[in-house]
């Protein structure tokens, strides 16, 4: 909340279930509703850890701090049933937010939390479009692979709802 108040960007985060298995890092208020509604429609609302969004062209550092907060929350304990945790990094197609710049912040947080993310068996699913999205997708995929964190990356050709369904089916 403090970061959100000090920034021209929007950085919203509500914890729904601290023991949740499904967590999101979503760019844009509209996209956050689509991802959350899709998770709920598929019957996984009780497993959703958070609701939130970052938007308004946040800086790399703002995105880093936001991602760090989500990573800290989602890695505090393993899933009690031993299932992998899911991190959905997504958004619609940005108009002016530099996707590569925001992903640099997420990558920095991912590097810092790599061991904890692996300890709780996080699987990452990314879907994004907008300015510099190809560069951002390439960088985040390479970073996760180098760290040994399973990741699947998609551009705007894949519907947001499809990656949610894919993530949930692959990690049952």
N, C-alpha and C. Protein backbone atom coordinates (compact mmCIF):
# COMPACT_ATOMS: atom_id res chain seq x y z
N UNK A 1 0.83 -1.19 0.00
CA UNK A 1 0.00 0.00 0.00
C UNK A 1 0.88 1.25 0.00
N UNK A 2 1.96 1.21 0.79
CA UNK A 2 2.86 2.35 0.87
C UNK A 2 3.50 2.65 -0.48
N UNK A 3 3.93 1.58 -1.18
CA UNK A 3 4.51 1.76 -2.52
C UNK A 3 3.50 2.38 -3.46
N UNK A 4 2.26 1.88 -3.40
CA UNK A 4 1.20 2.36 -4.29
C UNK A 4 0.96 3.86 -4.08
N UNK A 5 0.98 4.29 -2.83
CA UNK A 5 0.72 5.70 -2.52
C UNK A 5 1.83 6.62 -3.00
N UNK A 6 3.06 6.12 -3.04
CA UNK A 6 4.22 6.94 -3.42
C UNK A 6 4.48 6.94 -4.92
N UNK A 7 3.79 6.12 -5.67
CA UNK A 7 4.08 5.94 -7.08
C UNK A 7 2.98 6.53 -7.97
N UNK A 8 3.37 6.91 -9.18
CA UNK A 8 2.40 7.31 -10.18
C UNK A 8 1.75 6.08 -10.81
N UNK A 9 2.40 4.93 -10.62
CA UNK A 9 1.86 3.66 -11.12
C UNK A 9 0.85 3.13 -10.09
N UNK A 10 0.13 2.09 -10.49
CA UNK A 10 -0.79 1.42 -9.59
C UNK A 10 -0.16 0.10 -9.17
N UNK A 11 -0.07 -0.14 -7.87
CA UNK A 11 0.52 -1.37 -7.33
C UNK A 11 -0.42 -1.89 -6.25
N UNK A 12 -1.35 -2.74 -6.63
CA UNK A 12 -2.37 -3.24 -5.71
C UNK A 12 -2.12 -4.71 -5.40
N UNK A 13 -2.31 -5.08 -4.13
CA UNK A 13 -2.12 -6.48 -3.73
C UNK A 13 -3.00 -6.79 -2.52
N UNK A 14 -3.82 -7.81 -2.66
CA UNK A 14 -4.65 -8.31 -1.56
C UNK A 14 -4.37 -9.79 -1.41
N UNK A 15 -4.02 -10.22 -0.19
CA UNK A 15 -3.80 -11.64 0.07
C UNK A 15 -5.16 -12.26 0.36
N UNK A 16 -5.50 -13.28 -0.41
CA UNK A 16 -6.78 -13.99 -0.24
C UNK A 16 -6.61 -15.24 0.60
N UNK A 17 -5.52 -15.96 0.35
CA UNK A 17 -5.25 -17.22 1.04
C UNK A 17 -3.74 -17.37 1.17
N UNK A 18 -3.18 -17.09 2.34
CA UNK A 18 -1.72 -17.16 2.50
C UNK A 18 -1.14 -18.54 2.19
N UNK A 19 -1.97 -19.58 2.29
CA UNK A 19 -1.51 -20.94 1.98
C UNK A 19 -1.89 -21.35 0.56
N UNK A 20 -2.33 -20.38 -0.24
CA UNK A 20 -2.78 -20.65 -1.60
C UNK A 20 -1.69 -21.26 -2.47
N UNK A 21 -2.14 -22.00 -3.45
CA UNK A 21 -1.22 -22.67 -4.39
C UNK A 21 -1.06 -21.88 -5.68
N UNK A 22 -2.00 -21.00 -5.98
CA UNK A 22 -2.00 -20.24 -7.23
C UNK A 22 -1.80 -18.76 -6.91
N UNK A 23 -0.77 -18.17 -7.51
CA UNK A 23 -0.45 -16.76 -7.26
C UNK A 23 -0.32 -16.05 -8.60
N UNK A 24 -0.59 -14.75 -8.60
CA UNK A 24 -0.54 -14.00 -9.85
C UNK A 24 0.30 -12.74 -9.72
N UNK A 25 0.96 -12.39 -10.81
CA UNK A 25 1.62 -11.10 -11.00
C UNK A 25 1.02 -10.56 -12.29
N UNK A 26 -0.02 -9.77 -12.17
CA UNK A 26 -0.78 -9.37 -13.35
C UNK A 26 -0.66 -7.87 -13.59
N UNK A 27 -0.42 -7.55 -14.85
CA UNK A 27 -0.35 -6.16 -15.28
C UNK A 27 -1.72 -5.72 -15.77
N UNK A 28 -2.31 -4.76 -15.08
CA UNK A 28 -3.58 -4.19 -15.52
C UNK A 28 -4.77 -4.67 -14.74
N UNK A 29 -5.64 -3.74 -14.39
CA UNK A 29 -6.84 -4.06 -13.62
C UNK A 29 -7.80 -4.97 -14.36
N UNK A 30 -8.00 -4.71 -15.65
CA UNK A 30 -8.90 -5.56 -16.44
C UNK A 30 -8.38 -6.98 -16.55
N UNK A 31 -7.09 -7.11 -16.81
CA UNK A 31 -6.48 -8.43 -16.94
C UNK A 31 -6.55 -9.18 -15.61
N UNK A 32 -6.38 -8.47 -14.49
CA UNK A 32 -6.43 -9.14 -13.19
C UNK A 32 -7.81 -9.75 -12.95
N UNK A 33 -8.85 -9.08 -13.41
CA UNK A 33 -10.20 -9.62 -13.28
C UNK A 33 -10.36 -10.86 -14.14
N UNK A 34 -9.86 -10.82 -15.37
CA UNK A 34 -9.97 -11.97 -16.28
C UNK A 34 -9.25 -13.18 -15.69
N UNK A 35 -8.01 -13.00 -15.24
CA UNK A 35 -7.27 -14.13 -14.67
C UNK A 35 -7.97 -14.68 -13.43
N UNK A 36 -8.38 -13.81 -12.52
CA UNK A 36 -9.02 -14.25 -11.28
C UNK A 36 -10.35 -14.94 -11.56
N UNK A 37 -11.16 -14.36 -12.43
CA UNK A 37 -12.44 -14.98 -12.77
C UNK A 37 -12.24 -16.34 -13.43
N UNK A 38 -11.23 -16.47 -14.27
CA UNK A 38 -10.97 -17.75 -14.93
C UNK A 38 -10.55 -18.80 -13.91
N UNK A 39 -9.69 -18.43 -12.99
CA UNK A 39 -9.27 -19.36 -11.93
C UNK A 39 -10.50 -19.80 -11.13
N UNK A 40 -11.36 -18.86 -10.78
CA UNK A 40 -12.57 -19.18 -10.02
C UNK A 40 -13.54 -20.03 -10.84
N UNK A 41 -13.75 -19.67 -12.10
CA UNK A 41 -14.67 -20.43 -12.97
C UNK A 41 -14.23 -21.88 -13.15
N UNK A 42 -12.92 -22.11 -13.10
CA UNK A 42 -12.40 -23.48 -13.25
C UNK A 42 -12.41 -24.24 -11.93
N UNK A 43 -12.92 -23.61 -10.87
CA UNK A 43 -13.09 -24.30 -9.59
C UNK A 43 -11.91 -24.20 -8.63
N UNK A 44 -11.03 -23.24 -8.83
CA UNK A 44 -9.83 -23.15 -8.00
C UNK A 44 -9.78 -21.88 -7.14
N UNK A 45 -10.90 -21.24 -6.91
CA UNK A 45 -10.92 -19.98 -6.15
C UNK A 45 -10.30 -20.14 -4.76
N UNK A 46 -10.55 -21.27 -4.11
CA UNK A 46 -10.03 -21.48 -2.75
C UNK A 46 -8.51 -21.65 -2.73
N UNK A 47 -7.91 -21.95 -3.88
CA UNK A 47 -6.46 -22.13 -3.95
C UNK A 47 -5.74 -20.86 -4.38
N UNK A 48 -6.48 -19.79 -4.66
CA UNK A 48 -5.90 -18.54 -5.11
C UNK A 48 -5.31 -17.77 -3.93
N UNK A 49 -4.01 -17.49 -4.01
CA UNK A 49 -3.32 -16.82 -2.92
C UNK A 49 -3.54 -15.32 -2.87
N UNK A 50 -3.66 -14.69 -4.04
CA UNK A 50 -3.73 -13.23 -4.05
C UNK A 50 -4.61 -12.70 -5.18
N UNK A 51 -4.95 -11.44 -5.01
CA UNK A 51 -5.58 -10.67 -6.07
C UNK A 51 -4.81 -9.36 -6.13
N UNK A 52 -4.40 -8.97 -7.31
CA UNK A 52 -3.67 -7.72 -7.41
C UNK A 52 -3.34 -7.38 -8.84
N UNK A 53 -2.71 -6.21 -8.99
CA UNK A 53 -2.28 -5.78 -10.31
C UNK A 53 -1.27 -4.66 -10.19
N UNK A 54 -0.39 -4.62 -11.19
CA UNK A 54 0.50 -3.47 -11.33
C UNK A 54 0.22 -2.87 -12.70
N UNK A 55 0.18 -1.54 -12.76
CA UNK A 55 -0.12 -0.90 -14.04
C UNK A 55 0.37 0.55 -14.00
N UNK A 56 0.16 1.26 -15.09
CA UNK A 56 0.56 2.65 -15.15
C UNK A 56 2.04 2.83 -15.39
N UNK A 57 2.64 1.89 -16.12
CA UNK A 57 4.05 1.95 -16.49
C UNK A 57 4.97 2.08 -15.27
N UNK A 58 4.90 1.09 -14.35
CA UNK A 58 5.77 1.14 -13.17
C UNK A 58 7.24 1.03 -13.57
N UNK A 59 8.10 1.56 -12.72
CA UNK A 59 9.54 1.46 -12.98
C UNK A 59 10.00 0.03 -12.75
N UNK A 60 11.21 -0.26 -13.20
CA UNK A 60 11.80 -1.58 -12.96
C UNK A 60 11.86 -1.84 -11.46
N UNK A 61 12.26 -0.85 -10.68
CA UNK A 61 12.39 -1.04 -9.23
C UNK A 61 11.03 -1.24 -8.57
N UNK A 62 10.01 -0.53 -9.02
CA UNK A 62 8.67 -0.73 -8.46
C UNK A 62 8.17 -2.14 -8.74
N UNK A 63 8.41 -2.62 -9.95
CA UNK A 63 7.99 -3.98 -10.30
C UNK A 63 8.79 -5.00 -9.49
N UNK A 64 10.07 -4.74 -9.30
CA UNK A 64 10.93 -5.61 -8.49
C UNK A 64 10.38 -5.71 -7.06
N UNK A 65 10.08 -4.59 -6.44
CA UNK A 65 9.57 -4.59 -5.07
C UNK A 65 8.22 -5.30 -4.98
N UNK A 66 7.37 -5.08 -5.97
CA UNK A 66 6.05 -5.73 -6.01
C UNK A 66 6.21 -7.24 -6.15
N UNK A 67 7.06 -7.67 -7.10
CA UNK A 67 7.29 -9.10 -7.32
C UNK A 67 7.90 -9.75 -6.09
N UNK A 68 8.84 -9.07 -5.46
CA UNK A 68 9.47 -9.58 -4.24
C UNK A 68 8.43 -9.85 -3.16
N UNK A 69 7.49 -8.96 -3.02
CA UNK A 69 6.43 -9.12 -2.02
C UNK A 69 5.60 -10.37 -2.33
N UNK A 70 5.22 -10.54 -3.58
CA UNK A 70 4.43 -11.73 -3.97
C UNK A 70 5.26 -12.99 -3.77
N UNK A 71 6.53 -12.98 -4.17
CA UNK A 71 7.39 -14.16 -4.01
C UNK A 71 7.56 -14.51 -2.53
N UNK A 72 7.73 -13.50 -1.69
CA UNK A 72 7.87 -13.76 -0.25
C UNK A 72 6.62 -14.45 0.28
N UNK A 73 5.46 -13.94 -0.08
CA UNK A 73 4.20 -14.51 0.40
C UNK A 73 4.00 -15.94 -0.10
N UNK A 74 4.29 -16.18 -1.37
CA UNK A 74 3.98 -17.50 -1.94
C UNK A 74 4.99 -18.58 -1.57
N UNK A 75 6.16 -18.19 -1.06
CA UNK A 75 7.19 -19.20 -0.76
C UNK A 75 7.32 -19.49 0.73
N UNK A 76 6.43 -19.02 1.53
CA UNK A 76 6.54 -19.22 2.98
C UNK A 76 6.35 -20.67 3.39
N UNK A 77 5.54 -21.41 2.63
CA UNK A 77 5.38 -22.83 2.93
C UNK A 77 4.96 -23.60 1.69
N UNK A 78 5.30 -24.90 1.70
CA UNK A 78 4.95 -25.77 0.58
C UNK A 78 3.45 -26.04 0.59
N UNK A 79 2.94 -26.48 -0.55
CA UNK A 79 1.55 -26.90 -0.62
C UNK A 79 1.38 -28.12 0.28
N UNK A 80 0.37 -28.12 1.16
CA UNK A 80 0.19 -29.25 2.09
C UNK A 80 -0.04 -30.59 1.39
N UNK A 81 -0.55 -30.56 0.17
CA UNK A 81 -0.79 -31.81 -0.57
C UNK A 81 0.39 -32.17 -1.47
N UNK A 82 1.45 -31.36 -1.42
CA UNK A 82 2.64 -31.65 -2.22
C UNK A 82 2.52 -31.29 -3.69
N UNK A 83 1.49 -30.53 -4.03
CA UNK A 83 1.32 -30.11 -5.43
C UNK A 83 2.24 -28.93 -5.72
N UNK A 84 2.61 -28.76 -7.00
CA UNK A 84 3.40 -27.58 -7.36
C UNK A 84 2.59 -26.30 -7.14
N UNK A 85 3.29 -25.22 -6.86
CA UNK A 85 2.63 -23.92 -6.81
C UNK A 85 2.70 -23.32 -8.21
N UNK A 86 1.73 -22.50 -8.51
CA UNK A 86 1.62 -21.88 -9.83
C UNK A 86 1.79 -20.38 -9.68
N UNK A 87 2.63 -19.81 -10.55
CA UNK A 87 2.75 -18.36 -10.63
C UNK A 87 2.36 -17.96 -12.05
N UNK A 88 1.30 -17.19 -12.16
CA UNK A 88 0.87 -16.68 -13.46
C UNK A 88 1.32 -15.23 -13.57
N UNK A 89 2.20 -14.98 -14.52
CA UNK A 89 2.67 -13.63 -14.81
C UNK A 89 1.98 -13.23 -16.10
N UNK A 90 1.08 -12.28 -16.03
CA UNK A 90 0.31 -12.01 -17.23
C UNK A 90 -0.18 -10.60 -17.35
N UNK A 91 -0.89 -10.41 -18.41
CA UNK A 91 -1.49 -9.13 -18.71
C UNK A 91 -2.09 -9.20 -20.09
N UNK A 92 -2.81 -8.19 -20.44
CA UNK A 92 -3.37 -8.10 -21.78
C UNK A 92 -2.27 -7.61 -22.71
N UNK A 93 -2.62 -6.78 -23.66
CA UNK A 93 -1.62 -6.18 -24.55
C UNK A 93 -1.46 -4.73 -24.11
N UNK A 94 -0.31 -4.42 -23.54
CA UNK A 94 -0.07 -3.08 -23.01
C UNK A 94 -0.08 -2.04 -24.12
N UNK A 95 -0.55 -0.86 -23.79
CA UNK A 95 -0.50 0.26 -24.73
C UNK A 95 0.80 1.02 -24.60
N UNK A 96 1.21 1.30 -23.36
CA UNK A 96 2.41 2.11 -23.16
C UNK A 96 3.38 1.55 -22.14
N UNK A 97 2.98 0.56 -21.34
CA UNK A 97 3.90 -0.03 -20.36
C UNK A 97 4.97 -0.82 -21.10
N UNK A 98 6.23 -0.55 -20.78
CA UNK A 98 7.36 -1.25 -21.39
C UNK A 98 7.48 -2.62 -20.73
N UNK A 99 7.04 -3.66 -21.44
CA UNK A 99 7.01 -5.01 -20.89
C UNK A 99 8.42 -5.47 -20.49
N UNK A 100 9.41 -5.22 -21.32
CA UNK A 100 10.78 -5.65 -21.00
C UNK A 100 11.26 -5.00 -19.71
N UNK A 101 10.95 -3.73 -19.54
CA UNK A 101 11.39 -2.99 -18.34
C UNK A 101 10.74 -3.56 -17.08
N UNK A 102 9.43 -3.84 -17.14
CA UNK A 102 8.77 -4.40 -15.96
C UNK A 102 9.25 -5.82 -15.71
N UNK A 103 9.51 -6.59 -16.77
CA UNK A 103 10.02 -7.94 -16.58
C UNK A 103 11.41 -7.94 -15.98
N UNK A 104 12.22 -6.90 -16.25
CA UNK A 104 13.54 -6.80 -15.62
C UNK A 104 13.40 -6.80 -14.10
N UNK A 105 12.39 -6.11 -13.60
CA UNK A 105 12.14 -6.09 -12.16
C UNK A 105 11.72 -7.45 -11.64
N UNK A 106 10.86 -8.14 -12.38
CA UNK A 106 10.41 -9.48 -11.99
C UNK A 106 11.59 -10.44 -12.02
N UNK A 107 12.43 -10.34 -13.04
CA UNK A 107 13.60 -11.21 -13.15
C UNK A 107 14.55 -11.01 -11.97
N UNK A 108 14.78 -9.77 -11.59
CA UNK A 108 15.66 -9.47 -10.45
C UNK A 108 15.11 -10.13 -9.18
N UNK A 109 13.81 -10.01 -8.95
CA UNK A 109 13.18 -10.64 -7.78
C UNK A 109 13.25 -12.17 -7.89
N UNK A 110 13.06 -12.70 -9.09
CA UNK A 110 13.13 -14.14 -9.32
C UNK A 110 14.52 -14.67 -8.98
N UNK A 111 15.55 -13.94 -9.38
CA UNK A 111 16.92 -14.34 -9.08
C UNK A 111 17.16 -14.35 -7.57
N UNK A 112 16.63 -13.36 -6.89
CA UNK A 112 16.79 -13.26 -5.44
C UNK A 112 16.04 -14.38 -4.71
N UNK A 113 14.90 -14.78 -5.23
CA UNK A 113 14.06 -15.78 -4.57
C UNK A 113 14.16 -17.17 -5.22
N UNK A 114 15.12 -17.38 -6.10
CA UNK A 114 15.20 -18.64 -6.87
C UNK A 114 15.16 -19.88 -5.98
N UNK A 115 15.97 -19.92 -4.95
CA UNK A 115 16.01 -21.11 -4.09
C UNK A 115 14.67 -21.35 -3.41
N UNK A 116 14.05 -20.30 -2.92
CA UNK A 116 12.75 -20.44 -2.26
C UNK A 116 11.67 -20.85 -3.26
N UNK A 117 11.71 -20.29 -4.47
CA UNK A 117 10.74 -20.66 -5.51
C UNK A 117 10.87 -22.15 -5.85
N UNK A 118 12.10 -22.63 -5.94
CA UNK A 118 12.33 -24.05 -6.23
C UNK A 118 11.93 -24.93 -5.05
N UNK A 119 12.18 -24.46 -3.83
CA UNK A 119 11.83 -25.24 -2.63
C UNK A 119 10.34 -25.55 -2.55
N UNK A 120 9.50 -24.62 -3.01
CA UNK A 120 8.04 -24.86 -2.97
C UNK A 120 7.50 -25.32 -4.33
N UNK A 121 8.41 -25.67 -5.24
CA UNK A 121 8.07 -26.25 -6.55
C UNK A 121 7.17 -25.33 -7.38
N UNK A 122 7.62 -24.09 -7.57
CA UNK A 122 6.85 -23.13 -8.37
C UNK A 122 7.02 -23.41 -9.85
N UNK A 123 5.90 -23.38 -10.57
CA UNK A 123 5.87 -23.46 -12.03
C UNK A 123 5.35 -22.12 -12.52
N UNK A 124 6.05 -21.52 -13.48
CA UNK A 124 5.68 -20.19 -13.94
C UNK A 124 5.06 -20.25 -15.34
N UNK A 125 3.96 -19.54 -15.51
CA UNK A 125 3.28 -19.41 -16.79
C UNK A 125 3.17 -17.92 -17.10
N UNK A 126 3.69 -17.52 -18.25
CA UNK A 126 3.73 -16.11 -18.61
C UNK A 126 2.94 -15.87 -19.90
N UNK A 127 2.14 -14.82 -19.90
CA UNK A 127 1.43 -14.39 -21.12
C UNK A 127 1.41 -12.87 -21.13
N UNK A 128 1.99 -12.27 -22.16
CA UNK A 128 2.05 -10.81 -22.20
C UNK A 128 2.18 -10.32 -23.62
N UNK A 129 1.71 -9.12 -23.87
CA UNK A 129 1.87 -8.42 -25.13
C UNK A 129 2.08 -6.95 -24.86
N UNK A 130 2.51 -6.22 -25.87
CA UNK A 130 2.71 -4.78 -25.71
C UNK A 130 4.12 -4.37 -26.09
N UNK A 131 4.47 -3.10 -25.84
CA UNK A 131 5.80 -2.61 -26.21
C UNK A 131 6.93 -3.47 -25.63
N UNK A 132 7.80 -3.91 -26.51
CA UNK A 132 8.98 -4.72 -26.15
C UNK A 132 8.64 -6.06 -25.50
N UNK A 133 7.46 -6.61 -25.80
CA UNK A 133 7.08 -7.87 -25.16
C UNK A 133 7.95 -9.03 -25.60
N UNK A 134 8.38 -9.05 -26.88
CA UNK A 134 9.22 -10.17 -27.35
C UNK A 134 10.52 -10.22 -26.55
N UNK A 135 11.13 -9.07 -26.36
CA UNK A 135 12.37 -8.98 -25.59
C UNK A 135 12.13 -9.40 -24.14
N UNK A 136 11.04 -8.94 -23.56
CA UNK A 136 10.71 -9.29 -22.18
C UNK A 136 10.47 -10.78 -22.01
N UNK A 137 9.71 -11.38 -22.93
CA UNK A 137 9.43 -12.82 -22.85
C UNK A 137 10.72 -13.63 -22.99
N UNK A 138 11.58 -13.23 -23.90
CA UNK A 138 12.85 -13.93 -24.11
C UNK A 138 13.71 -13.86 -22.85
N UNK A 139 13.80 -12.68 -22.26
CA UNK A 139 14.64 -12.49 -21.08
C UNK A 139 14.11 -13.27 -19.87
N UNK A 140 12.80 -13.26 -19.67
CA UNK A 140 12.26 -13.95 -18.49
C UNK A 140 12.38 -15.47 -18.65
N UNK A 141 12.20 -15.95 -19.87
CA UNK A 141 12.35 -17.39 -20.13
C UNK A 141 13.79 -17.83 -19.89
N UNK A 142 14.73 -17.08 -20.44
CA UNK A 142 16.15 -17.42 -20.26
C UNK A 142 16.55 -17.37 -18.79
N UNK A 143 16.07 -16.36 -18.06
CA UNK A 143 16.41 -16.22 -16.64
C UNK A 143 15.88 -17.40 -15.83
N UNK A 144 14.61 -17.77 -16.03
CA UNK A 144 14.02 -18.88 -15.28
C UNK A 144 14.73 -20.19 -15.61
N UNK A 145 15.01 -20.42 -16.89
CA UNK A 145 15.69 -21.65 -17.29
C UNK A 145 17.08 -21.73 -16.67
N UNK A 146 17.79 -20.62 -16.66
CA UNK A 146 19.13 -20.58 -16.06
C UNK A 146 19.07 -20.89 -14.56
N UNK A 147 18.00 -20.46 -13.91
CA UNK A 147 17.82 -20.69 -12.47
C UNK A 147 17.23 -22.07 -12.17
N UNK A 148 16.79 -22.79 -13.20
CA UNK A 148 16.20 -24.11 -13.00
C UNK A 148 14.76 -24.07 -12.53
N UNK A 149 14.05 -23.00 -12.89
CA UNK A 149 12.64 -22.86 -12.53
C UNK A 149 11.80 -23.13 -13.77
N UNK A 150 10.89 -24.12 -13.71
CA UNK A 150 10.06 -24.43 -14.88
C UNK A 150 9.21 -23.22 -15.31
N UNK A 151 9.24 -22.94 -16.61
CA UNK A 151 8.52 -21.78 -17.13
C UNK A 151 7.97 -22.07 -18.52
N UNK A 152 6.80 -21.54 -18.80
CA UNK A 152 6.21 -21.57 -20.15
C UNK A 152 5.84 -20.14 -20.48
N UNK A 153 6.17 -19.71 -21.68
CA UNK A 153 6.03 -18.31 -22.06
C UNK A 153 5.21 -18.18 -23.34
N UNK A 154 4.26 -17.23 -23.33
CA UNK A 154 3.38 -17.01 -24.47
C UNK A 154 3.19 -15.52 -24.72
N UNK A 155 2.98 -15.19 -25.97
CA UNK A 155 2.69 -13.82 -26.37
C UNK A 155 1.20 -13.62 -26.53
N UNK A 156 0.80 -12.52 -27.16
CA UNK A 156 -0.61 -12.19 -27.28
C UNK A 156 -1.40 -13.12 -28.19
N UNK A 157 -0.71 -14.01 -28.91
CA UNK A 157 -1.43 -14.97 -29.76
C UNK A 157 -2.16 -16.01 -28.92
N UNK A 158 -1.80 -16.15 -27.65
CA UNK A 158 -2.45 -17.10 -26.75
C UNK A 158 -3.39 -16.32 -25.83
N UNK A 159 -4.63 -16.80 -25.73
CA UNK A 159 -5.61 -16.12 -24.88
C UNK A 159 -5.23 -16.23 -23.41
N UNK A 160 -5.52 -15.19 -22.65
CA UNK A 160 -5.22 -15.19 -21.22
C UNK A 160 -5.87 -16.39 -20.52
N UNK A 161 -7.10 -16.67 -20.87
CA UNK A 161 -7.82 -17.76 -20.22
C UNK A 161 -7.17 -19.11 -20.52
N UNK A 162 -6.55 -19.25 -21.67
CA UNK A 162 -5.91 -20.52 -22.04
C UNK A 162 -4.72 -20.84 -21.16
N UNK A 163 -3.92 -19.83 -20.77
CA UNK A 163 -2.76 -20.18 -19.95
C UNK A 163 -3.18 -20.55 -18.54
N UNK A 164 -4.28 -20.00 -18.06
CA UNK A 164 -4.78 -20.40 -16.74
C UNK A 164 -5.19 -21.86 -16.78
N UNK A 165 -5.97 -22.22 -17.78
CA UNK A 165 -6.43 -23.60 -17.93
C UNK A 165 -5.24 -24.55 -18.05
N UNK A 166 -4.26 -24.18 -18.88
CA UNK A 166 -3.06 -24.99 -19.08
C UNK A 166 -2.31 -25.18 -17.75
N UNK A 167 -2.10 -24.10 -17.02
CA UNK A 167 -1.37 -24.16 -15.75
C UNK A 167 -2.08 -25.09 -14.76
N UNK A 168 -3.38 -24.97 -14.67
CA UNK A 168 -4.13 -25.77 -13.71
C UNK A 168 -4.17 -27.24 -14.12
N UNK A 169 -4.29 -27.52 -15.40
CA UNK A 169 -4.31 -28.91 -15.86
C UNK A 169 -2.96 -29.59 -15.70
N UNK A 170 -1.88 -28.85 -15.94
CA UNK A 170 -0.54 -29.44 -15.88
C UNK A 170 -0.04 -29.64 -14.46
N UNK A 171 -0.68 -29.03 -13.48
CA UNK A 171 -0.17 -29.10 -12.10
C UNK A 171 -1.19 -29.69 -11.12
N UNK A 172 -2.13 -30.46 -11.60
CA UNK A 172 -3.17 -31.05 -10.73
C UNK A 172 -2.55 -31.92 -9.66
